[in-house]
Amino acid sequence: MKKYYILIIIALFFSTFNLYSIVSCYNRFEDCTDWTEDEVTIQIPDFPGCNITVYYRTRICDGIVQIYQDWFKLQNTQACWDLWDCIAPEWPNPVWNWGCVERVREAAYKQVSYLYFLEQTQNMTDNEKEQFLCGSNNFITTHAYFTDVCRKFCIKLVISPEPPYAHIYVVEGECTNEICCTIELKYCFNKIWDPGQGKFVYYPTVIENRTPDEEVNCDEINPVSIPCPTGYTEVSPCMPSCENQ
């Protein structure tokens, strides 16, 4: 029963969190179709056996499919307990592991994106697949967006006399800027001869890019940054990160 109540709380919290993301990063686009709502039950590699139902929306903006995740629902089974422990390691204390939450969101996006690609291409003829051969620079592309902050690097050098080692510590420092980042998944086909079937077979391939908005200049947005930790020296300006959700 305790697991059931965790389910309700996390589902509502995800919905609130994602609402902020859709306002700040998705609502920058104008030439778009209406959102289409859907749901799918998946499993992600880090937590095999745990069924996760993803409620999401898709739309097309300038020829690119945008995928927005509304919320998740996890099964109340033993197979999902490891995931519960990852998301809320100190339950019933309301302490959330956002690193785990974001890992789940990103893994879910990649699976939903791939399922969308399979749905769009399942009835394609070989001639139609030829238009999306890898190397032709023609892809079926999906985007998801998340917010991040600009980052800088801070460094500290410590000399240890016995033995004489130089210890270099590098940490990431946050700046006060918030930017929108894109996870882009581009799908194409590799055309490979299959001697068993006596014909060419088209294998799906995905290329992932993770980038900040092209126009982002962290110093122009807000040159103020959080000071480096005591003893560290700032060695880089504020730069877009977008490495991790």
Protein backbone atom coordinates (compact mmCIF):
# COMPACT_ATOMS: atom_id res chain seq x y z
CA MET A 1 0.00 0.00 0.00
CA LYS A 2 2.86 2.38 0.76
CA LYS A 3 4.15 1.92 -2.79
CA TYR A 4 0.75 2.86 -4.18
CA TYR A 5 0.81 6.24 -2.42
CA ILE A 6 4.33 6.89 -3.72
CA LEU A 7 2.95 6.34 -7.20
CA ILE A 8 0.30 9.04 -6.81
CA ILE A 9 2.74 11.60 -5.43
CA ILE A 10 5.38 11.07 -8.11
CA ALA A 11 2.85 11.16 -10.93
CA LEU A 12 1.52 14.52 -9.77
CA PHE A 13 4.99 15.93 -9.15
CA PHE A 14 6.19 14.95 -12.63
CA SER A 15 3.17 16.67 -14.13
CA THR A 16 3.93 19.93 -12.32
CA PHE A 17 7.63 19.79 -13.15
CA ASN A 18 7.04 19.14 -16.85
CA LEU A 19 4.48 21.94 -17.08
CA TYR A 20 7.30 24.37 -16.28
CA SER A 21 9.51 22.85 -18.99
CA ILE A 22 6.83 23.03 -21.67
CA VAL A 23 6.20 26.70 -20.94
CA SER A 24 9.85 27.71 -20.88
CA CYS A 25 11.28 25.67 -23.76
CA TYR A 26 8.49 24.27 -25.95
CA ASN A 27 6.42 27.42 -26.29
CA ARG A 28 9.09 29.23 -28.33
CA PHE A 29 7.80 27.78 -31.61
CA GLU A 30 5.06 29.18 -33.85
CA ASP A 31 4.68 27.10 -37.04
CA CYS A 32 3.44 23.90 -35.37
CA THR A 33 0.62 21.39 -35.64
CA ASP A 34 -1.68 20.78 -32.68
CA TRP A 35 -0.49 18.46 -29.93
CA THR A 36 -1.58 14.80 -30.20
CA GLU A 37 -1.82 12.88 -26.91
CA ASP A 38 -0.83 9.24 -26.57
CA GLU A 39 0.51 6.71 -24.07
CA VAL A 40 2.79 3.69 -24.22
CA THR A 41 4.10 1.14 -21.71
CA ILE A 42 7.83 0.55 -21.89
CA GLN A 43 10.80 -0.78 -19.94
CA ILE A 44 14.13 1.01 -19.70
CA PRO A 45 17.52 -0.75 -19.66
CA ASP A 46 18.56 0.33 -16.15
CA PHE A 47 15.43 -1.23 -14.59
CA PRO A 48 14.47 -4.36 -16.55
CA GLY A 49 11.12 -5.90 -15.75
CA CYS A 50 9.61 -2.66 -14.48
CA ASN A 51 6.77 -1.47 -16.69
CA ILE A 52 6.56 2.32 -17.04
CA THR A 53 3.53 3.89 -18.70
CA VAL A 54 4.49 7.15 -20.37
CA TYR A 55 1.83 9.75 -21.14
CA TYR A 56 3.14 12.05 -23.83
CA ARG A 57 2.27 14.43 -26.66
CA THR A 58 3.70 14.91 -30.15
CA ARG A 59 3.50 17.70 -32.68
CA ILE A 60 5.43 18.77 -35.78
CA CYS A 61 7.22 22.13 -35.95
CA ASP A 62 9.05 23.04 -39.17
CA GLY A 63 9.26 19.38 -40.17
CA ILE A 64 10.67 18.20 -36.82
CA VAL A 65 8.68 15.99 -34.44
CA GLN A 66 8.61 17.36 -30.90
CA ILE A 67 7.93 14.94 -28.04
CA TYR A 68 6.79 16.20 -24.66
CA GLN A 69 6.31 13.86 -21.69
CA ASP A 70 3.40 14.75 -19.42
CA TRP A 71 3.85 12.20 -16.65
CA PHE A 72 4.71 8.60 -15.77
CA LYS A 73 2.98 5.73 -14.02
CA LEU A 74 4.93 2.85 -12.52
CA GLN A 75 3.55 -0.57 -11.73
CA ASN A 76 3.25 -1.42 -8.04
CA THR A 77 5.31 -4.63 -8.38
CA GLN A 78 8.56 -5.92 -6.95
CA ALA A 79 10.19 -5.44 -10.37
CA CYS A 80 9.86 -1.66 -9.89
CA TRP A 81 11.13 -1.43 -6.32
CA ASP A 82 14.71 -0.69 -7.42
CA LEU A 83 13.38 2.22 -9.44
CA TRP A 84 11.33 3.48 -6.48
CA ASP A 85 14.46 3.34 -4.32
CA CYS A 86 16.38 5.26 -6.98
CA ILE A 87 13.77 8.02 -7.28
CA ALA A 88 12.92 8.33 -3.57
CA PRO A 89 15.85 6.78 -1.67
CA GLU A 90 14.76 8.06 1.76
CA TRP A 91 11.03 7.38 1.55
CA PRO A 92 8.84 8.26 3.44
CA ASN A 93 11.02 11.37 3.77
CA PRO A 94 10.29 13.56 0.70
CA VAL A 95 13.84 13.48 -0.67
CA TRP A 96 13.96 13.07 -4.45
CA ASN A 97 16.94 11.91 -6.48
CA TRP A 98 16.62 14.24 -9.47
CA GLY A 99 19.53 12.57 -11.23
CA CYS A 100 17.52 9.35 -11.29
CA VAL A 101 14.33 11.16 -12.33
CA GLU A 102 16.09 12.74 -15.28
CA ARG A 103 17.68 9.43 -16.31
CA VAL A 104 14.23 7.89 -16.47
CA ARG A 105 12.78 10.81 -18.43
CA GLU A 106 15.58 10.72 -20.99
CA ALA A 107 15.45 6.93 -21.41
CA ALA A 108 11.67 7.14 -21.83
CA TYR A 109 12.01 9.89 -24.45
CA LYS A 110 14.46 7.79 -26.48
CA GLN A 111 12.13 4.80 -26.47
CA VAL A 112 9.05 6.85 -27.32
CA SER A 113 11.02 8.50 -30.13
CA TYR A 114 12.15 5.14 -31.53
CA LEU A 115 8.61 3.74 -31.38
CA TYR A 116 7.41 6.83 -33.27
CA PHE A 117 10.05 6.20 -35.93
CA LEU A 118 9.01 2.54 -36.28
CA GLU A 119 5.36 3.54 -36.58
CA GLN A 120 6.14 6.07 -39.32
CA THR A 121 8.29 3.66 -41.33
CA GLN A 122 6.63 0.25 -40.84
CA ASN A 123 4.71 0.47 -44.12
CA MET A 124 7.49 2.10 -46.15
CA THR A 125 8.57 0.36 -49.34
CA ASP A 126 12.27 -0.21 -50.00
CA ASN A 127 12.20 2.66 -52.51
CA GLU A 128 10.79 4.98 -49.83
CA LYS A 129 13.46 3.87 -47.35
CA GLU A 130 16.10 4.78 -49.93
CA GLN A 131 15.22 8.43 -49.26
CA PHE A 132 16.45 8.05 -45.67
CA LEU A 133 19.71 6.18 -46.21
CA CYS A 134 22.45 7.12 -43.74
CA GLY A 135 24.84 9.48 -45.46
CA SER A 136 22.12 11.10 -47.56
CA ASN A 137 21.63 13.87 -44.96
CA ASN A 138 17.92 13.11 -44.93
CA PHE A 139 16.53 11.98 -41.57
CA ILE A 140 13.37 11.44 -39.57
CA THR A 141 14.08 13.70 -36.61
CA THR A 142 12.61 14.10 -33.13
CA HIS A 143 13.36 16.73 -30.49
CA ALA A 144 12.85 16.98 -26.77
CA TYR A 145 13.83 20.01 -24.68
CA PHE A 146 14.98 20.60 -21.14
CA THR A 147 16.44 23.49 -19.19
CA ASP A 148 20.00 23.74 -17.95
CA VAL A 149 22.29 26.47 -16.69
CA CYS A 150 25.46 27.86 -18.15
CA ARG A 151 28.56 26.44 -16.48
CA LYS A 152 32.18 27.38 -15.92
CA PHE A 153 35.23 25.46 -14.72
CA CYS A 154 37.17 26.11 -11.53
CA ILE A 155 40.57 24.61 -10.75
CA LYS A 156 42.76 24.12 -7.67
CA LEU A 157 46.37 22.92 -7.53
CA VAL A 158 47.68 21.27 -4.35
CA ILE A 159 51.34 20.21 -3.97
CA SER A 160 51.96 17.25 -1.65
CA PRO A 161 55.63 17.14 -0.53
CA GLU A 162 55.84 13.46 0.46
CA PRO A 163 55.88 12.06 -2.16
CA PRO A 164 56.04 15.12 -4.44
CA TYR A 165 52.69 14.91 -6.20
CA ALA A 166 50.72 17.70 -7.83
CA HIS A 167 46.99 17.22 -7.27
CA ILE A 168 44.74 19.07 -9.71
CA TYR A 169 41.08 19.40 -8.76
CA VAL A 170 38.60 20.54 -11.40
CA VAL A 171 34.97 21.30 -10.52
CA GLU A 172 32.04 22.70 -12.47
CA GLY A 173 30.70 26.01 -11.24
CA GLU A 174 27.18 27.18 -12.03
CA CYS A 175 26.33 30.52 -13.54
CA THR A 176 22.97 32.21 -12.99
CA ASN A 177 21.81 31.82 -16.60
CA GLU A 178 19.10 29.34 -17.55
CA ILE A 179 19.06 28.07 -21.13
CA CYS A 180 17.04 25.65 -23.25
CA CYS A 181 18.78 22.51 -24.47
CA THR A 182 17.77 20.10 -27.22
CA ILE A 183 18.09 16.31 -27.32
CA GLU A 184 17.91 15.54 -31.03
CA LEU A 185 17.46 12.00 -32.34
CA LYS A 186 17.95 11.58 -36.10
CA TYR A 187 16.96 8.29 -37.73
CA CYS A 188 18.20 6.82 -41.00
CA PHE A 189 18.64 3.37 -42.59
CA ASN A 190 21.80 1.40 -43.21
CA LYS A 191 21.41 -0.68 -46.36
CA ILE A 192 23.15 -4.06 -45.91
CA TRP A 193 23.15 -7.14 -48.14
CA ASP A 194 21.73 -10.19 -46.32
CA PRO A 195 22.92 -13.39 -48.06
CA GLY A 196 20.42 -15.48 -46.08
CA GLN A 197 17.49 -13.54 -47.50
CA GLY A 198 19.20 -12.87 -50.82
CA LYS A 199 18.37 -9.18 -50.70
CA PHE A 200 19.28 -5.83 -49.17
CA VAL A 201 17.93 -5.21 -45.66
CA TYR A 202 17.37 -1.76 -44.17
CA TYR A 203 18.52 -1.46 -40.54
CA PRO A 204 17.47 1.57 -38.47
CA THR A 205 20.28 3.74 -37.10
CA VAL A 206 20.00 6.66 -34.68
CA ILE A 207 22.31 9.64 -34.30
CA GLU A 208 22.04 11.62 -31.05
CA ASN A 209 22.94 15.27 -30.62
CA ARG A 210 22.66 17.30 -27.43
CA THR A 211 22.99 21.03 -28.00
CA PRO A 212 22.06 24.40 -26.51
CA ASP A 213 20.09 26.96 -28.49
CA GLU A 214 22.30 28.22 -31.30
CA GLU A 215 21.88 31.85 -30.27
CA VAL A 216 22.91 31.25 -26.66
CA ASN A 217 25.71 33.48 -25.39
CA CYS A 218 26.00 32.98 -21.67
CA ASP A 219 27.88 36.21 -21.02
CA GLU A 220 25.34 38.27 -22.96
CA ILE A 221 22.37 36.69 -21.17
CA ASN A 222 23.74 37.37 -17.71
CA PRO A 223 27.45 37.86 -17.00
CA VAL A 224 26.99 37.30 -13.27
CA SER A 225 28.20 33.88 -12.10
CA ILE A 226 28.28 32.11 -8.77
CA PRO A 227 31.81 32.43 -7.28
CA CYS A 228 34.13 29.42 -7.41
CA PRO A 229 34.59 27.48 -4.14
CA THR A 230 37.21 28.80 -1.71
CA GLY A 231 40.71 28.02 -2.96
CA TYR A 232 39.63 27.48 -6.56
CA THR A 233 40.41 29.75 -9.53
CA GLU A 234 38.00 30.40 -12.39
CA VAL A 235 39.58 29.15 -15.62
CA SER A 236 36.75 29.47 -18.12
CA PRO A 237 33.90 31.84 -18.90
CA CYS A 238 30.26 30.83 -18.50
CA MET A 239 29.47 28.33 -21.28
CA PRO A 240 26.39 26.36 -22.32
CA SER A 241 26.42 22.86 -20.89
CA CYS A 242 23.48 20.64 -21.93
CA GLU A 243 25.50 17.53 -21.22
CA ASN A 244 23.01 15.95 -18.85
CA GLN A 245 19.32 16.34 -18.13
